[in-house]
Amino acid sequence: MLNDFWNDSFLTGIKKTAAADTDRSVPLDIQRRFVISAFAGTAAWWLENGMPYPPELMAESMIKIIQKN
């Protein structure tokens, strides 16, 4: 279920930035898999370590990381 959510979120984000991004040197399916894996791995780490940060901080941090890159 989370994978579907992240996949949908990624596609929504890509649609918003597609017009401005003319460099398609990395195929979208590779980008999508990379981002989803990063989110899933980070969420797993967060849960396995007793949720050391509040959910809001985790969400904001992950969004900032993706927006920077």
PDB file of N, CA and C in Angstrom:
ATOM      1  N   MET A   1       0.825  -1.189   0.000  1.00  0.00           N
ATOM      2  CA  MET A   1       0.000   0.000   0.000  1.00  0.00           C
ATOM      3  C   MET A   1       0.874   1.260   0.000  1.00  0.00           C
ATOM      4  N   LEU A   2       1.919   1.273   0.830  1.00  0.00           N
ATOM      5  CA  LEU A   2       2.826   2.426   0.827  1.00  0.00           C
ATOM      6  C   LEU A   2       3.519   2.576  -0.512  1.00  0.00           C
ATOM      7  N   ASN A   3       3.901   1.437  -1.104  1.00  0.00           N
ATOM      8  CA  ASN A   3       4.559   1.486  -2.408  1.00  0.00           C
ATOM      9  C   ASN A   3       3.654   2.152  -3.441  1.00  0.00           C
ATOM     10  N   ASP A   4       2.366   1.805  -3.429  1.00  0.00           N
ATOM     11  CA  ASP A   4       1.411   2.424  -4.352  1.00  0.00           C
ATOM     12  C   ASP A   4       1.274   3.920  -4.084  1.00  0.00           C
ATOM     13  N   PHE A   5       1.222   4.290  -2.801  1.00  0.00           N
ATOM     14  CA  PHE A   5       1.122   5.706  -2.439  1.00  0.00           C
ATOM     15  C   PHE A   5       2.334   6.478  -2.944  1.00  0.00           C
ATOM     16  N   TRP A   6       3.539   5.944  -2.685  1.00  0.00           N
ATOM     17  CA  TRP A   6       4.757   6.632  -3.113  1.00  0.00           C
ATOM     18  C   TRP A   6       4.853   6.684  -4.632  1.00  0.00           C
ATOM     19  N   ASN A   7       4.430   5.623  -5.293  1.00  0.00           N
ATOM     20  CA  ASN A   7       4.441   5.609  -6.751  1.00  0.00           C
ATOM     21  C   ASN A   7       3.525   6.701  -7.293  1.00  0.00           C
ATOM     22  N   ASP A   8       2.319   6.793  -6.744  1.00  0.00           N
ATOM     23  CA  ASP A   8       1.373   7.834  -7.173  1.00  0.00           C
ATOM     24  C   ASP A   8       1.913   9.227  -6.864  1.00  0.00           C
ATOM     25  N   SER A   9       2.508   9.387  -5.686  1.00  0.00           N
ATOM     26  CA  SER A   9       3.071  10.684  -5.305  1.00  0.00           C
ATOM     27  C   SER A   9       4.208  11.081  -6.226  1.00  0.00           C
ATOM     28  N   PHE A  10       5.055  10.115  -6.559  1.00  0.00           N
ATOM     29  CA  PHE A  10       6.166  10.387  -7.459  1.00  0.00           C
ATOM     30  C   PHE A  10       5.642  10.827  -8.816  1.00  0.00           C
ATOM     31  N   LEU A  11       4.679  10.109  -9.344  1.00  0.00           N
ATOM     32  CA  LEU A  11       4.133  10.455 -10.660  1.00  0.00           C
ATOM     33  C   LEU A  11       3.478  11.835 -10.643  1.00  0.00           C
ATOM     34  N   THR A  12       2.814  12.189  -9.563  1.00  0.00           N
ATOM     35  CA  THR A  12       2.221  13.517  -9.436  1.00  0.00           C
ATOM     36  C   THR A  12       3.304  14.590  -9.461  1.00  0.00           C
ATOM     37  N   GLY A  13       4.381  14.362  -8.711  1.00  0.00           N
ATOM     38  CA  GLY A  13       5.491  15.309  -8.690  1.00  0.00           C
ATOM     39  C   GLY A  13       6.156  15.447 -10.038  1.00  0.00           C
ATOM     40  N   ILE A  14       6.321  14.336 -10.738  1.00  0.00           N
ATOM     41  CA  ILE A  14       6.955  14.356 -12.063  1.00  0.00           C
ATOM     42  C   ILE A  14       6.102  15.155 -13.045  1.00  0.00           C
ATOM     43  N   LYS A  15       4.813  14.978 -12.991  1.00  0.00           N
ATOM     44  CA  LYS A  15       3.922  15.722 -13.893  1.00  0.00           C
ATOM     45  C   LYS A  15       4.053  17.229 -13.680  1.00  0.00           C
ATOM     46  N   LYS A  16       4.249  17.645 -12.421  1.00  0.00           N
ATOM     47  CA  LYS A  16       4.380  19.064 -12.117  1.00  0.00           C
ATOM     48  C   LYS A  16       5.689  19.644 -12.637  1.00  0.00           C
ATOM     49  N   THR A  17       6.752  18.844 -12.645  1.00  0.00           N
ATOM     50  CA  THR A  17       8.063  19.359 -13.034  1.00  0.00           C
ATOM     51  C   THR A  17       8.466  18.975 -14.452  1.00  0.00           C
ATOM     52  N   ALA A  18       7.687  18.161 -15.114  1.00  0.00           N
ATOM     53  CA  ALA A  18       8.064  17.665 -16.440  1.00  0.00           C
ATOM     54  C   ALA A  18       8.279  18.773 -17.457  1.00  0.00           C
ATOM     55  N   ALA A  19       7.470  19.787 -17.409  1.00  0.00           N
ATOM     56  CA  ALA A  19       7.589  20.870 -18.381  1.00  0.00           C
ATOM     57  C   ALA A  19       8.907  21.621 -18.229  1.00  0.00           C
ATOM     58  N   ALA A  20       9.372  21.771 -17.013  1.00  0.00           N
ATOM     59  CA  ALA A  20      10.605  22.515 -16.759  1.00  0.00           C
ATOM     60  C   ALA A  20      11.859  21.664 -16.936  1.00  0.00           C
ATOM     61  N   ASP A  21      11.718  20.353 -16.851  1.00  0.00           N
ATOM     62  CA  ASP A  21      12.871  19.450 -16.911  1.00  0.00           C
ATOM     63  C   ASP A  21      13.039  18.911 -18.320  1.00  0.00           C
ATOM     64  N   THR A  22      14.036  19.414 -19.012  1.00  0.00           N
ATOM     65  CA  THR A  22      14.280  18.956 -20.377  1.00  0.00           C
ATOM     66  C   THR A  22      15.356  17.877 -20.434  1.00  0.00           C
ATOM     67  N   ASP A  23      16.047  17.619 -19.325  1.00  0.00           N
ATOM     68  CA  ASP A  23      17.088  16.592 -19.274  1.00  0.00           C
ATOM     69  C   ASP A  23      16.466  15.260 -18.884  1.00  0.00           C
ATOM     70  N   ARG A  24      16.335  14.386 -19.836  1.00  0.00           N
ATOM     71  CA  ARG A  24      15.762  13.054 -19.588  1.00  0.00           C
ATOM     72  C   ARG A  24      16.842  11.984 -19.712  1.00  0.00           C
ATOM     73  N   SER A  25      18.043  12.291 -19.220  1.00  0.00           N
ATOM     74  CA  SER A  25      19.142  11.341 -19.332  1.00  0.00           C
ATOM     75  C   SER A  25      18.950  10.129 -18.425  1.00  0.00           C
ATOM     76  N   VAL A  26      18.124  10.265 -17.385  1.00  0.00           N
ATOM     77  CA  VAL A  26      17.799   9.136 -16.515  1.00  0.00           C
ATOM     78  C   VAL A  26      16.322   8.816 -16.727  1.00  0.00           C
ATOM     79  N   PRO A  27      16.011   7.622 -17.218  1.00  0.00           N
ATOM     80  CA  PRO A  27      14.610   7.269 -17.474  1.00  0.00           C
ATOM     81  C   PRO A  27      13.747   7.386 -16.214  1.00  0.00           C
ATOM     82  N   LEU A  28      12.487   7.765 -16.416  1.00  0.00           N
ATOM     83  CA  LEU A  28      11.576   7.981 -15.299  1.00  0.00           C
ATOM     84  C   LEU A  28      11.378   6.742 -14.443  1.00  0.00           C
ATOM     85  N   ASP A  29      11.367   5.546 -15.051  1.00  0.00           N
ATOM     86  CA  ASP A  29      11.160   4.357 -14.228  1.00  0.00           C
ATOM     87  C   ASP A  29      12.335   4.123 -13.280  1.00  0.00           C
ATOM     88  N   ILE A  30      13.543   4.486 -13.684  1.00  0.00           N
ATOM     89  CA  ILE A  30      14.707   4.380 -12.791  1.00  0.00           C
ATOM     90  C   ILE A  30      14.603   5.424 -11.685  1.00  0.00           C
ATOM     91  N   GLN A  31      14.243   6.645 -12.044  1.00  0.00           N
ATOM     92  CA  GLN A  31      14.074   7.697 -11.039  1.00  0.00           C
ATOM     93  C   GLN A  31      13.014   7.299 -10.009  1.00  0.00           C
ATOM     94  N   ARG A  32      11.895   6.794 -10.502  1.00  0.00           N
ATOM     95  CA  ARG A  32      10.790   6.410  -9.624  1.00  0.00           C
ATOM     96  C   ARG A  32      11.224   5.317  -8.651  1.00  0.00           C
ATOM     97  N   ARG A  33      11.872   4.286  -9.144  1.00  0.00           N
ATOM     98  CA  ARG A  33      12.308   3.173  -8.295  1.00  0.00           C
ATOM     99  C   ARG A  33      13.306   3.661  -7.248  1.00  0.00           C
ATOM    100  N   PHE A  34      14.210   4.555  -7.645  1.00  0.00           N
ATOM    101  CA  PHE A  34      15.207   5.095  -6.720  1.00  0.00           C
ATOM    102  C   PHE A  34      14.535   5.851  -5.575  1.00  0.00           C
ATOM    103  N   VAL A  35      13.610   6.731  -5.924  1.00  0.00           N
ATOM    104  CA  VAL A  35      12.932   7.550  -4.917  1.00  0.00           C
ATOM    105  C   VAL A  35      12.085   6.680  -3.992  1.00  0.00           C
ATOM    106  N   ILE A  36      11.341   5.748  -4.551  1.00  0.00           N
ATOM    107  CA  ILE A  36      10.498   4.877  -3.731  1.00  0.00           C
ATOM    108  C   ILE A  36      11.357   4.035  -2.792  1.00  0.00           C
ATOM    109  N   SER A  37      12.459   3.514  -3.276  1.00  0.00           N
ATOM    110  CA  SER A  37      13.355   2.723  -2.428  1.00  0.00           C
ATOM    111  C   SER A  37      13.933   3.571  -1.298  1.00  0.00           C
ATOM    112  N   ALA A  38      14.282   4.804  -1.607  1.00  0.00           N
ATOM    113  CA  ALA A  38      14.814   5.696  -0.580  1.00  0.00           C
ATOM    114  C   ALA A  38      13.769   5.967   0.499  1.00  0.00           C
ATOM    115  N   PHE A  39      12.533   6.243   0.088  1.00  0.00           N
ATOM    116  CA  PHE A  39      11.471   6.477   1.058  1.00  0.00           C
ATOM    117  C   PHE A  39      11.206   5.229   1.893  1.00  0.00           C
ATOM    118  N   ALA A  40      11.104   4.079   1.241  1.00  0.00           N
ATOM    119  CA  ALA A  40      10.811   2.833   1.958  1.00  0.00           C
ATOM    120  C   ALA A  40      11.926   2.492   2.935  1.00  0.00           C
ATOM    121  N   GLY A  41      13.170   2.638   2.509  1.00  0.00           N
ATOM    122  CA  GLY A  41      14.298   2.339   3.380  1.00  0.00           C
ATOM    123  C   GLY A  41      14.367   3.278   4.569  1.00  0.00           C
ATOM    124  N   THR A  42      14.100   4.544   4.334  1.00  0.00           N
ATOM    125  CA  THR A  42      14.130   5.528   5.411  1.00  0.00           C
ATOM    126  C   THR A  42      12.981   5.276   6.390  1.00  0.00           C
ATOM    127  N   ALA A  43      11.808   4.962   5.883  1.00  0.00           N
ATOM    128  CA  ALA A  43      10.662   4.663   6.753  1.00  0.00           C
ATOM    129  C   ALA A  43      10.937   3.414   7.589  1.00  0.00           C
ATOM    130  N   ALA A  44      11.525   2.389   6.972  1.00  0.00           N
ATOM    131  CA  ALA A  44      11.860   1.168   7.710  1.00  0.00           C
ATOM    132  C   ALA A  44      12.871   1.470   8.814  1.00  0.00           C
ATOM    133  N   TRP A  45      13.901   2.234   8.493  1.00  0.00           N
ATOM    134  CA  TRP A  45      14.905   2.618   9.495  1.00  0.00           C
ATOM    135  C   TRP A  45      14.247   3.353  10.654  1.00  0.00           C
ATOM    136  N   TRP A  46      13.374   4.292  10.324  1.00  0.00           N
ATOM    137  CA  TRP A  46      12.691   5.103  11.328  1.00  0.00           C
ATOM    138  C   TRP A  46      11.866   4.220  12.271  1.00  0.00           C
ATOM    139  N   LEU A  47      11.115   3.288  11.708  1.00  0.00           N
ATOM    140  CA  LEU A  47      10.294   2.392  12.527  1.00  0.00           C
ATOM    141  C   LEU A  47      11.147   1.442  13.362  1.00  0.00           C
ATOM    142  N   GLU A  48      12.180   0.863  12.744  1.00  0.00           N
ATOM    143  CA  GLU A  48      13.048  -0.098  13.435  1.00  0.00           C
ATOM    144  C   GLU A  48      13.807   0.541  14.588  1.00  0.00           C
ATOM    145  N   ASN A  49      14.007   1.845  14.542  1.00  0.00           N
ATOM    146  CA  ASN A  49      14.749   2.551  15.582  1.00  0.00           C
ATOM    147  C   ASN A  49      13.847   3.296  16.555  1.00  0.00           C
ATOM    148  N   GLY A  50      12.613   2.863  16.641  1.00  0.00           N
ATOM    149  CA  GLY A  50      11.698   3.427  17.628  1.00  0.00           C
ATOM    150  C   GLY A  50      11.201   4.826  17.319  1.00  0.00           C
ATOM    151  N   MET A  51      11.158   5.171  16.050  1.00  0.00           N
ATOM    152  CA  MET A  51      10.658   6.475  15.608  1.00  0.00           C
ATOM    153  C   MET A  51      11.331   7.615  16.366  1.00  0.00           C
ATOM    154  N   PRO A  52      12.656   7.767  16.189  1.00  0.00           N
ATOM    155  CA  PRO A  52      13.399   8.767  16.955  1.00  0.00           C
ATOM    156  C   PRO A  52      13.050  10.219  16.624  1.00  0.00           C
ATOM    157  N   TYR A  53      12.336  10.440  15.556  1.00  0.00           N
ATOM    158  CA  TYR A  53      11.913  11.786  15.169  1.00  0.00           C
ATOM    159  C   TYR A  53      10.403  11.779  14.976  1.00  0.00           C
ATOM    160  N   PRO A  54       9.751  12.910  15.213  1.00  0.00           N
ATOM    161  CA  PRO A  54       8.302  12.985  14.995  1.00  0.00           C
ATOM    162  C   PRO A  54       7.961  12.768  13.510  1.00  0.00           C
ATOM    163  N   PRO A  55       6.779  12.216  13.243  1.00  0.00           N
ATOM    164  CA  PRO A  55       6.378  11.963  11.852  1.00  0.00           C
ATOM    165  C   PRO A  55       6.444  13.216  10.975  1.00  0.00           C
ATOM    166  N   GLU A  56       6.063  14.356  11.534  1.00  0.00           N
ATOM    167  CA  GLU A  56       6.061  15.603  10.761  1.00  0.00           C
ATOM    168  C   GLU A  56       7.475  15.974  10.316  1.00  0.00           C
ATOM    169  N   LEU A  57       8.447  15.796  11.223  1.00  0.00           N
ATOM    170  CA  LEU A  57       9.835  16.098  10.882  1.00  0.00           C
ATOM    171  C   LEU A  57      10.350  15.143   9.817  1.00  0.00           C
ATOM    172  N   MET A  58       9.981  13.879   9.932  1.00  0.00           N
ATOM    173  CA  MET A  58      10.410  12.895   8.925  1.00  0.00           C
ATOM    174  C   MET A  58       9.862  13.271   7.551  1.00  0.00           C
ATOM    175  N   ALA A  59       8.579  13.587   7.502  1.00  0.00           N
ATOM    176  CA  ALA A  59       7.958  13.936   6.225  1.00  0.00           C
ATOM    177  C   ALA A  59       8.594  15.190   5.636  1.00  0.00           C
ATOM    178  N   GLU A  60       8.752  16.214   6.450  1.00  0.00           N
ATOM    179  CA  GLU A  60       9.357  17.461   5.978  1.00  0.00           C
ATOM    180  C   GLU A  60      10.789  17.239   5.508  1.00  0.00           C
ATOM    181  N   SER A  61      11.545  16.449   6.241  1.00  0.00           N
ATOM    182  CA  SER A  61      12.946  16.182   5.885  1.00  0.00           C
ATOM    183  C   SER A  61      13.050  15.439   4.563  1.00  0.00           C
ATOM    184  N   MET A  62      12.215  14.427   4.395  1.00  0.00           N
ATOM    185  CA  MET A  62      12.268  13.644   3.162  1.00  0.00           C
ATOM    186  C   MET A  62      11.856  14.490   1.953  1.00  0.00           C
ATOM    187  N   ILE A  63      10.870  15.331   2.139  1.00  0.00           N
ATOM    188  CA  ILE A  63      10.446  16.224   1.054  1.00  0.00           C
ATOM    189  C   ILE A  63      11.564  17.193   0.689  1.00  0.00           C
ATOM    190  N   LYS A  64      12.221  17.761   1.701  1.00  0.00           N
ATOM    191  CA  LYS A  64      13.331  18.696   1.437  1.00  0.00           C
ATOM    192  C   LYS A  64      14.457  18.028   0.679  1.00  0.00           C
ATOM    193  N   ILE A  65      14.791  16.795   1.051  1.00  0.00           N
ATOM    194  CA  ILE A  65      15.865  16.074   0.366  1.00  0.00           C
ATOM    195  C   ILE A  65      15.520  15.877  -1.106  1.00  0.00           C
ATOM    196  N   ILE A  66      14.300  15.449  -1.378  1.00  0.00           N
ATOM    197  CA  ILE A  66      13.890  15.202  -2.759  1.00  0.00           C
ATOM    198  C   ILE A  66      13.840  16.510  -3.547  1.00  0.00           C
ATOM    199  N   GLN A  67      13.342  17.579  -2.948  1.00  0.00           N
ATOM    200  CA  GLN A  67      13.242  18.849  -3.658  1.00  0.00           C
ATOM    201  C   GLN A  67      14.605  19.432  -3.980  1.00  0.00           C
ATOM    202  N   LYS A  68      15.600  19.210  -3.134  1.00  0.00           N
ATOM    203  CA  LYS A  68      16.942  19.717  -3.393  1.00  0.00           C
ATOM    204  C   LYS A  68      17.583  19.036  -4.599  1.00  0.00           C
ATOM    205  N   ASN A  69      17.255  17.771  -4.774  1.00  0.00           N
ATOM    206  CA  ASN A  69      17.883  17.007  -5.842  1.00  0.00           C
ATOM    207  C   ASN A  69      16.940  16.845  -6.988  1.00  0.00           C
TER     208      ASN A  69
END
